[in-house]
C-alpha atoms as a PDB file:
ATOM      1  CA  MET A   1       1.515 -98.005  -5.518  1.00  0.00           C
ATOM      2  CA  PHE A   2      -1.366 -96.366  -4.249  1.00  0.00           C
ATOM      3  CA  ILE A   3      -2.643 -94.782  -0.926  1.00  0.00           C
ATOM      4  CA  ARG A   4      -5.537 -96.164   1.096  1.00  0.00           C
ATOM      5  CA  ILE A   5      -7.122 -93.388   3.362  1.00  0.00           C
ATOM      6  CA  VAL A   6      -9.656 -94.690   6.130  1.00  0.00           C
ATOM      7  CA  LYS A   7     -11.757 -92.261   8.232  1.00  0.00           C
ATOM      8  CA  LEU A   8     -12.619 -93.752  11.565  1.00  0.00           C
ATOM      9  CA  THR A   9     -15.092 -91.900  14.049  1.00  0.00           C
ATOM     10  CA  PHE A  10     -15.056 -93.440  17.562  1.00  0.00           C
ATOM     11  CA  LYS A  11     -17.281 -93.112  20.456  1.00  0.00           C
ATOM     12  CA  GLU A  12     -15.806 -90.609  22.809  1.00  0.00           C
ATOM     13  CA  GLU A  13     -15.320 -93.208  25.531  1.00  0.00           C
ATOM     14  CA  HIS A  14     -13.338 -95.463  23.270  1.00  0.00           C
ATOM     15  CA  VAL A  15     -10.658 -92.908  21.932  1.00  0.00           C
ATOM     16  CA  GLU A  16      -7.801 -93.771  24.395  1.00  0.00           C
ATOM     17  CA  GLU A  17      -8.602 -97.430  23.887  1.00  0.00           C
ATOM     18  CA  PHE A  18      -8.255 -97.137  20.183  1.00  0.00           C
ATOM     19  CA  VAL A  19      -5.105 -95.170  20.285  1.00  0.00           C
ATOM     20  CA  GLN A  20      -3.509 -97.751  22.530  1.00  0.00           C
ATOM     21  CA  TYR A  21      -4.780-100.748  20.451  1.00  0.00           C
ATOM     22  CA  PHE A  22      -3.424 -99.095  17.416  1.00  0.00           C
ATOM     23  CA  GLU A  23       0.120 -98.522  19.001  1.00  0.00           C
ATOM     24  CA  GLU A  24       0.046-102.343  19.876  1.00  0.00           C
ATOM     25  CA  ILE A  25      -1.054-103.608  16.313  1.00  0.00           C
ATOM     26  CA  LYS A  26       0.500-101.094  13.994  1.00  0.00           C
ATOM     27  CA  HIS A  27       3.595-103.052  13.500  1.00  0.00           C
ATOM     28  CA  VAL A  28       1.522-106.206  12.372  1.00  0.00           C
ATOM     29  CA  VAL A  29      -0.203-104.127   9.729  1.00  0.00           C
ATOM     30  CA  ARG A  30       2.958-102.669   8.565  1.00  0.00           C
ATOM     31  CA  SER A  31       4.575-106.004   8.096  1.00  0.00           C
ATOM     32  CA  GLN A  32       1.681-107.250   5.642  1.00  0.00           C
ATOM     33  CA  PRO A  33       3.104-108.102   2.278  1.00  0.00           C
ATOM     34  CA  GLY A  34       2.747-105.036   0.042  1.00  0.00           C
ATOM     35  CA  CYS A  35       2.360-102.377   2.797  1.00  0.00           C
ATOM     36  CA  SER A  36       5.081-100.079   2.863  1.00  0.00           C
ATOM     37  CA  PHE A  37       3.801 -97.250   5.179  1.00  0.00           C
ATOM     38  CA  LEU A  38       1.300 -96.793   7.772  1.00  0.00           C
ATOM     39  CA  GLU A  39       0.308 -93.736   9.861  1.00  0.00           C
ATOM     40  CA  LEU A  40      -2.481 -92.446  12.194  1.00  0.00           C
ATOM     41  CA  TYR A  41      -3.724 -88.968  12.098  1.00  0.00           C
ATOM     42  CA  GLN A  42      -6.249 -87.293  14.587  1.00  0.00           C
ATOM     43  CA  ASP A  43      -8.597 -84.479  13.410  1.00  0.00           C
ATOM     44  CA  LYS A  44      -7.549 -81.239  15.188  1.00  0.00           C
ATOM     45  CA  THR A  45     -11.196 -80.211  15.875  1.00  0.00           C
ATOM     46  CA  GLN A  46     -12.941 -83.561  16.461  1.00  0.00           C
ATOM     47  CA  SER A  47     -10.603 -85.620  18.818  1.00  0.00           C
ATOM     48  CA  ASN A  48     -12.828 -88.701  18.193  1.00  0.00           C
ATOM     49  CA  VAL A  49     -12.050 -88.633  14.320  1.00  0.00           C
ATOM     50  CA  PHE A  50      -8.892 -90.569  12.998  1.00  0.00           C
ATOM     51  CA  PHE A  51      -7.392 -91.167   9.710  1.00  0.00           C
ATOM     52  CA  THR A  52      -5.206 -94.108   8.505  1.00  0.00           C
ATOM     53  CA  TYR A  53      -3.068 -93.520   5.654  1.00  0.00           C
ATOM     54  CA  SER A  54      -1.314 -96.762   4.144  1.00  0.00           C
ATOM     55  CA  TYR A  55       0.854 -97.267   1.082  1.00  0.00           C
ATOM     56  CA  TRP A  56       0.374-100.453  -0.789  1.00  0.00           C
ATOM     57  CA  GLU A  57       2.192-101.901  -3.836  1.00  0.00           C
ATOM     58  CA  ASN A  58      -1.058-103.169  -5.436  1.00  0.00           C
ATOM     59  CA  GLU A  59      -4.691-103.627  -4.687  1.00  0.00           C
ATOM     60  CA  GLN A  60      -4.213-107.418  -4.514  1.00  0.00           C
ATOM     61  CA  ASP A  61      -1.948-106.923  -1.541  1.00  0.00           C
ATOM     62  CA  LEU A  62      -4.588-104.847   0.179  1.00  0.00           C
ATOM     63  CA  ASP A  63      -7.314-107.473  -0.674  1.00  0.00           C
ATOM     64  CA  ILE A  64      -4.983-110.042   0.796  1.00  0.00           C
ATOM     65  CA  TYR A  65      -4.583-108.283   4.004  1.00  0.00           C
ATOM     66  CA  ARG A  66      -8.323-107.627   4.141  1.00  0.00           C
ATOM     67  CA  TYR A  67      -9.133-111.378   4.016  1.00  0.00           C
ATOM     68  CA  SER A  68      -6.155-112.295   6.449  1.00  0.00           C
ATOM     69  CA  ASP A  69      -6.509-113.610   9.995  1.00  0.00           C
ATOM     70  CA  THR A  70      -5.059-110.421  11.122  1.00  0.00           C
ATOM     71  CA  PHE A  71      -7.727-108.215   9.658  1.00  0.00           C
ATOM     72  CA  LYS A  72     -10.416-110.592  10.744  1.00  0.00           C
ATOM     73  CA  GLU A  73      -9.207-110.105  14.427  1.00  0.00           C
ATOM     74  CA  VAL A  74      -8.356-106.489  14.220  1.00  0.00           C
ATOM     75  CA  TRP A  75     -11.349-105.128  12.434  1.00  0.00           C
ATOM     76  CA  PRO A  76     -14.233-106.251  14.373  1.00  0.00           C
ATOM     77  CA  TYR A  77     -12.504-105.148  17.626  1.00  0.00           C
ATOM     78  CA  VAL A  78     -11.973-101.658  16.210  1.00  0.00           C
ATOM     79  CA  LYS A  79     -15.396-101.642  14.453  1.00  0.00           C
ATOM     80  CA  SER A  80     -17.064-102.290  17.912  1.00  0.00           C
ATOM     81  CA  MET A  81     -15.838 -98.741  19.102  1.00  0.00           C
ATOM     82  CA  PHE A  82     -17.286 -97.002  16.209  1.00  0.00           C
ATOM     83  CA  ALA A  83     -19.645 -93.932  16.589  1.00  0.00           C
ATOM     84  CA  GLU A  84     -20.126 -93.919  12.641  1.00  0.00           C
ATOM     85  CA  ARG A  85     -19.444 -96.237   9.937  1.00  0.00           C
ATOM     86  CA  ALA A  86     -15.966 -96.117   8.523  1.00  0.00           C
ATOM     87  CA  GLN A  87     -15.273 -94.334   5.299  1.00  0.00           C
ATOM     88  CA  ALA A  88     -12.407 -95.488   2.954  1.00  0.00           C
ATOM     89  CA  TRP A  89     -10.721 -94.219  -0.261  1.00  0.00           C
ATOM     90  CA  SER A  90      -8.047 -95.679  -2.565  1.00  0.00           C
ATOM     91  CA  VAL A  91      -6.162 -92.956  -4.218  1.00  0.00           C
ATOM     92  CA  ASP A  92      -3.007 -92.581  -6.565  1.00  0.00           C
ATOM     93  CA  ARG A  93      -0.468 -89.907  -5.844  1.00  0.00           C
ATOM     94  CA  LEU A  94      -0.276 -87.487  -8.785  1.00  0.00           C
ATOM     95  CA  LEU A  95       2.352 -84.928  -7.593  1.00  0.00           C
ATOM     96  CA  THR A  96       4.870 -84.599  -4.746  1.00  0.00           C
ATOM     97  CA  VAL A  97       5.913 -81.102  -3.656  1.00  0.00           C
ATOM     98  CA  ASN A  98       9.184 -80.690  -2.161  1.00  0.00           C
END
């Protein structure tokens, strides 16, 4: 399993639209094969900056999603609201602190 972190910076006028859209489509992304977790975070100081955290079984599952009809519908719409290019990282969890 690995974690995918994506930073999304939106034009101010699209923040509410994005949040509403994410609420509508989150279950579709979560139901993709290999996706076991998805959350959305908002920056505390820049309200137009968001991060998605998703857990994937393997990189092949993420790639399958990225070439799916769902992604081809979701990504162009979300991208049209950007103020900056998205940034993404794939990371492995090393330690869990309880």
